[in-house]
Amino acid sequence: MAVYMIFNEQVTDHSRFENYRQQAGALILRYGGRFLVRSGNVTSLEGDPGLHRVVVIEFDDMAAARRFYDSDEYRPLIQLRKSASTGYAAIVEGSPSSTRTD
């Protein structure tokens, strides 16, 4: 089952964050992640979702997502990201939309 790693970040140090972004992007691709959303403008439809810089990355399954996030290569980049932004990260399990009936 596909999973989606979602980041919602407010960048506080653009220079440091650019350093993170360049390193993390290649690493995500190497671990099989596929970018579905990378930043862009957020248009609120109902209420204030508190979204800033939104990134959604698809992985084949939870094991693949965890291999990336828990890897020795990504661990120092987590600290770099946290030093350059504030926000949240989560992994959400998904299902193919073609099989959904709701």
N, C-alpha and C. Protein backbone atom coordinates (compact mmCIF):
# COMPACT_ATOMS: atom_id res chain seq x y z
N MET A 1 0.84 -1.17 0.00
CA MET A 1 0.00 0.00 0.00
C MET A 1 0.89 1.24 0.00
N ALA A 2 0.62 2.16 -0.90
CA ALA A 2 1.41 3.40 -0.97
C ALA A 2 1.23 4.21 0.31
N VAL A 3 2.28 4.93 0.68
CA VAL A 3 2.22 5.85 1.80
C VAL A 3 2.73 7.20 1.32
N TYR A 4 2.33 8.23 2.04
CA TYR A 4 2.66 9.59 1.67
C TYR A 4 3.31 10.29 2.84
N MET A 5 4.53 10.75 2.62
CA MET A 5 5.24 11.52 3.63
C MET A 5 4.89 12.98 3.36
N ILE A 6 4.37 13.64 4.38
CA ILE A 6 3.89 15.00 4.22
C ILE A 6 4.66 15.92 5.16
N PHE A 7 5.20 16.98 4.59
CA PHE A 7 5.91 18.00 5.36
C PHE A 7 5.15 19.31 5.22
N ASN A 8 4.99 20.03 6.32
CA ASN A 8 4.42 21.38 6.33
C ASN A 8 5.41 22.23 7.11
N GLU A 9 6.14 23.08 6.40
CA GLU A 9 7.23 23.80 7.04
C GLU A 9 7.14 25.30 6.78
N GLN A 10 7.55 26.05 7.78
CA GLN A 10 7.72 27.48 7.62
C GLN A 10 9.22 27.73 7.67
N VAL A 11 9.78 28.13 6.55
CA VAL A 11 11.23 28.32 6.44
C VAL A 11 11.64 29.57 7.21
N THR A 12 12.64 29.42 8.07
CA THR A 12 13.15 30.54 8.87
C THR A 12 14.55 30.96 8.45
N ASP A 13 15.28 30.09 7.77
CA ASP A 13 16.62 30.40 7.27
C ASP A 13 16.71 29.84 5.85
N HIS A 14 16.50 30.70 4.87
CA HIS A 14 16.40 30.26 3.48
C HIS A 14 17.70 29.66 2.95
N SER A 15 18.82 30.18 3.35
CA SER A 15 20.10 29.67 2.89
C SER A 15 20.33 28.24 3.39
N ARG A 16 20.12 28.03 4.67
CA ARG A 16 20.26 26.68 5.23
C ARG A 16 19.23 25.72 4.64
N PHE A 17 18.01 26.21 4.46
CA PHE A 17 16.97 25.33 3.94
C PHE A 17 17.29 24.92 2.50
N GLU A 18 17.84 25.82 1.72
CA GLU A 18 18.23 25.47 0.35
C GLU A 18 19.30 24.38 0.37
N ASN A 19 20.23 24.44 1.29
CA ASN A 19 21.23 23.40 1.46
C ASN A 19 20.56 22.06 1.77
N TYR A 20 19.60 22.08 2.70
CA TYR A 20 18.84 20.87 3.03
C TYR A 20 18.12 20.34 1.79
N ARG A 21 17.40 21.21 1.11
CA ARG A 21 16.56 20.82 -0.03
C ARG A 21 17.39 20.14 -1.10
N GLN A 22 18.54 20.69 -1.41
CA GLN A 22 19.39 20.11 -2.45
C GLN A 22 19.87 18.71 -2.07
N GLN A 23 20.27 18.53 -0.83
CA GLN A 23 20.75 17.21 -0.39
C GLN A 23 19.61 16.21 -0.24
N ALA A 24 18.51 16.65 0.34
CA ALA A 24 17.40 15.73 0.61
C ALA A 24 16.72 15.26 -0.67
N GLY A 25 16.59 16.14 -1.65
CA GLY A 25 15.90 15.78 -2.89
C GLY A 25 16.52 14.56 -3.56
N ALA A 26 17.82 14.58 -3.73
CA ALA A 26 18.51 13.45 -4.36
C ALA A 26 18.38 12.18 -3.52
N LEU A 27 18.46 12.34 -2.20
CA LEU A 27 18.36 11.19 -1.31
C LEU A 27 16.97 10.56 -1.37
N ILE A 28 15.95 11.39 -1.39
CA ILE A 28 14.57 10.89 -1.48
C ILE A 28 14.39 10.06 -2.75
N LEU A 29 14.88 10.57 -3.86
CA LEU A 29 14.78 9.83 -5.13
C LEU A 29 15.55 8.52 -5.06
N ARG A 30 16.72 8.54 -4.44
CA ARG A 30 17.53 7.32 -4.32
C ARG A 30 16.82 6.25 -3.50
N TYR A 31 16.00 6.67 -2.53
CA TYR A 31 15.25 5.71 -1.71
C TYR A 31 13.88 5.37 -2.30
N GLY A 32 13.63 5.78 -3.53
CA GLY A 32 12.40 5.39 -4.21
C GLY A 32 11.23 6.34 -4.00
N GLY A 33 11.45 7.48 -3.38
CA GLY A 33 10.37 8.44 -3.19
C GLY A 33 10.07 9.20 -4.47
N ARG A 34 8.81 9.60 -4.63
CA ARG A 34 8.37 10.37 -5.78
C ARG A 34 7.67 11.63 -5.28
N PHE A 35 8.16 12.78 -5.69
CA PHE A 35 7.54 14.03 -5.28
C PHE A 35 6.20 14.20 -5.98
N LEU A 36 5.14 14.42 -5.21
CA LEU A 36 3.83 14.71 -5.77
C LEU A 36 3.50 16.19 -5.64
N VAL A 37 3.96 16.80 -4.55
CA VAL A 37 3.76 18.23 -4.32
C VAL A 37 5.06 18.78 -3.75
N ARG A 38 5.50 19.90 -4.28
CA ARG A 38 6.69 20.58 -3.77
C ARG A 38 6.38 22.06 -3.65
N SER A 39 6.00 22.46 -2.47
CA SER A 39 5.73 23.86 -2.17
C SER A 39 4.56 24.37 -2.99
N GLY A 40 4.67 25.56 -3.50
CA GLY A 40 3.57 26.15 -4.25
C GLY A 40 2.66 26.94 -3.34
N ASN A 41 1.77 27.68 -3.94
CA ASN A 41 0.82 28.49 -3.17
C ASN A 41 -0.27 27.61 -2.58
N VAL A 42 -0.69 27.92 -1.39
CA VAL A 42 -1.77 27.21 -0.71
C VAL A 42 -2.99 28.12 -0.71
N THR A 43 -4.10 27.62 -1.22
CA THR A 43 -5.36 28.36 -1.22
C THR A 43 -6.30 27.67 -0.25
N SER A 44 -6.65 28.34 0.81
CA SER A 44 -7.54 27.76 1.81
C SER A 44 -8.97 27.76 1.29
N LEU A 45 -9.66 26.65 1.46
CA LEU A 45 -11.06 26.55 1.06
C LEU A 45 -11.99 26.65 2.26
N GLU A 46 -11.57 26.12 3.39
CA GLU A 46 -12.39 26.15 4.60
C GLU A 46 -11.48 26.29 5.81
N GLY A 47 -11.64 27.33 6.57
CA GLY A 47 -10.84 27.53 7.77
C GLY A 47 -9.39 27.82 7.45
N ASP A 48 -8.56 27.85 8.49
CA ASP A 48 -7.13 28.09 8.35
C ASP A 48 -6.40 26.79 8.59
N PRO A 49 -5.93 26.12 7.54
CA PRO A 49 -5.25 24.85 7.73
C PRO A 49 -3.84 24.99 8.28
N GLY A 50 -3.31 26.20 8.36
CA GLY A 50 -1.97 26.40 8.89
C GLY A 50 -0.89 25.84 7.98
N LEU A 51 -1.12 25.86 6.69
CA LEU A 51 -0.16 25.32 5.74
C LEU A 51 0.79 26.41 5.25
N HIS A 52 2.06 26.02 5.09
CA HIS A 52 3.08 26.96 4.63
C HIS A 52 3.75 26.38 3.39
N ARG A 53 4.91 25.79 3.55
CA ARG A 53 5.60 25.11 2.46
C ARG A 53 5.24 23.63 2.58
N VAL A 54 4.42 23.15 1.66
CA VAL A 54 3.90 21.78 1.73
C VAL A 54 4.64 20.90 0.72
N VAL A 55 5.08 19.75 1.20
CA VAL A 55 5.73 18.76 0.34
C VAL A 55 5.06 17.42 0.60
N VAL A 56 4.68 16.73 -0.48
CA VAL A 56 4.09 15.39 -0.38
C VAL A 56 4.94 14.46 -1.23
N ILE A 57 5.42 13.38 -0.59
CA ILE A 57 6.29 12.42 -1.26
C ILE A 57 5.63 11.05 -1.16
N GLU A 58 5.52 10.36 -2.28
CA GLU A 58 4.92 9.03 -2.29
C GLU A 58 6.02 7.97 -2.23
N PHE A 59 5.82 6.97 -1.38
CA PHE A 59 6.67 5.79 -1.31
C PHE A 59 5.80 4.56 -1.56
N ASP A 60 6.40 3.48 -2.02
CA ASP A 60 5.63 2.27 -2.33
C ASP A 60 4.92 1.69 -1.11
N ASP A 61 5.56 1.79 0.05
CA ASP A 61 4.97 1.23 1.26
C ASP A 61 5.63 1.86 2.48
N MET A 62 5.11 1.51 3.64
CA MET A 62 5.63 2.07 4.89
C MET A 62 7.09 1.71 5.11
N ALA A 63 7.47 0.49 4.76
CA ALA A 63 8.86 0.06 4.95
C ALA A 63 9.81 0.93 4.13
N ALA A 64 9.45 1.26 2.91
CA ALA A 64 10.30 2.10 2.06
C ALA A 64 10.41 3.50 2.63
N ALA A 65 9.31 4.06 3.11
CA ALA A 65 9.32 5.40 3.70
C ALA A 65 10.19 5.42 4.95
N ARG A 66 10.08 4.40 5.79
CA ARG A 66 10.87 4.36 7.02
C ARG A 66 12.35 4.13 6.71
N ARG A 67 12.65 3.34 5.67
CA ARG A 67 14.06 3.14 5.29
C ARG A 67 14.70 4.48 4.96
N PHE A 68 13.97 5.32 4.24
CA PHE A 68 14.48 6.65 3.93
C PHE A 68 14.61 7.49 5.20
N TYR A 69 13.51 7.67 5.92
CA TYR A 69 13.49 8.60 7.06
C TYR A 69 14.47 8.20 8.16
N ASP A 70 14.61 6.90 8.39
CA ASP A 70 15.47 6.40 9.46
C ASP A 70 16.91 6.13 9.01
N SER A 71 17.23 6.44 7.76
CA SER A 71 18.55 6.12 7.23
C SER A 71 19.65 6.98 7.86
N ASP A 72 20.85 6.42 7.88
CA ASP A 72 22.01 7.16 8.37
C ASP A 72 22.27 8.41 7.53
N GLU A 73 21.94 8.34 6.22
CA GLU A 73 22.17 9.49 5.35
C GLU A 73 21.20 10.64 5.64
N TYR A 74 19.96 10.32 6.01
CA TYR A 74 18.97 11.38 6.22
C TYR A 74 19.03 11.97 7.63
N ARG A 75 19.48 11.20 8.59
CA ARG A 75 19.49 11.66 9.99
C ARG A 75 20.11 13.05 10.16
N PRO A 76 21.30 13.34 9.62
CA PRO A 76 21.84 14.69 9.79
C PRO A 76 21.03 15.75 9.03
N LEU A 77 20.36 15.34 7.98
CA LEU A 77 19.54 16.30 7.23
C LEU A 77 18.28 16.69 7.99
N ILE A 78 17.78 15.80 8.84
CA ILE A 78 16.65 16.15 9.70
C ILE A 78 17.04 17.32 10.58
N GLN A 79 18.22 17.24 11.17
CA GLN A 79 18.68 18.33 12.03
C GLN A 79 18.89 19.62 11.25
N LEU A 80 19.42 19.51 10.03
CA LEU A 80 19.59 20.69 9.19
C LEU A 80 18.23 21.31 8.87
N ARG A 81 17.25 20.48 8.50
CA ARG A 81 15.90 20.99 8.20
C ARG A 81 15.31 21.68 9.41
N LYS A 82 15.46 21.08 10.58
CA LYS A 82 14.89 21.66 11.80
C LYS A 82 15.59 22.96 12.19
N SER A 83 16.86 23.12 11.81
CA SER A 83 17.57 24.36 12.12
C SER A 83 17.19 25.48 11.16
N ALA A 84 16.54 25.13 10.05
CA ALA A 84 16.19 26.11 9.03
C ALA A 84 14.70 26.33 8.88
N SER A 85 13.89 25.60 9.65
CA SER A 85 12.44 25.72 9.51
C SER A 85 11.74 25.21 10.77
N THR A 86 10.46 25.54 10.87
CA THR A 86 9.61 24.96 11.89
C THR A 86 8.45 24.30 11.17
N GLY A 87 7.90 23.25 11.74
CA GLY A 87 6.78 22.61 11.07
C GLY A 87 6.55 21.21 11.55
N TYR A 88 5.92 20.45 10.67
CA TYR A 88 5.48 19.10 11.00
C TYR A 88 5.80 18.15 9.87
N ALA A 89 5.96 16.88 10.21
CA ALA A 89 6.14 15.82 9.23
C ALA A 89 5.30 14.63 9.68
N ALA A 90 4.73 13.92 8.71
CA ALA A 90 3.90 12.75 9.02
C ALA A 90 3.95 11.79 7.85
N ILE A 91 3.62 10.54 8.13
CA ILE A 91 3.44 9.54 7.08
C ILE A 91 1.97 9.11 7.13
N VAL A 92 1.33 9.14 5.98
CA VAL A 92 -0.08 8.80 5.88
C VAL A 92 -0.22 7.60 4.95
N GLU A 93 -0.91 6.55 5.42
CA GLU A 93 -1.17 5.40 4.55
C GLU A 93 -2.27 5.79 3.58
N GLY A 94 -2.12 5.30 2.35
CA GLY A 94 -3.11 5.60 1.33
C GLY A 94 -3.58 4.33 0.64
N SER A 95 -4.52 4.51 -0.24
CA SER A 95 -4.98 3.40 -1.07
C SER A 95 -5.22 3.93 -2.46
N PRO A 96 -5.06 3.10 -3.47
CA PRO A 96 -5.26 3.58 -4.84
C PRO A 96 -6.67 4.12 -5.01
N SER A 97 -6.80 5.28 -5.63
CA SER A 97 -8.11 5.89 -5.79
C SER A 97 -9.02 5.08 -6.70
N SER A 98 -8.45 4.27 -7.57
CA SER A 98 -9.28 3.48 -8.49
C SER A 98 -10.02 2.37 -7.77
N THR A 99 -9.62 2.01 -6.55
CA THR A 99 -10.29 0.93 -5.83
C THR A 99 -11.20 1.45 -4.74
N ARG A 100 -11.24 2.76 -4.54
CA ARG A 100 -12.06 3.35 -3.48
C ARG A 100 -13.51 3.45 -3.91
N THR A 101 -14.39 3.25 -2.97
CA THR A 101 -15.82 3.37 -3.28
C THR A 101 -16.47 4.47 -2.48
N ASP A 102 -15.70 5.18 -1.63
CA ASP A 102 -16.30 6.26 -0.83
C ASP A 102 -15.96 7.62 -1.36
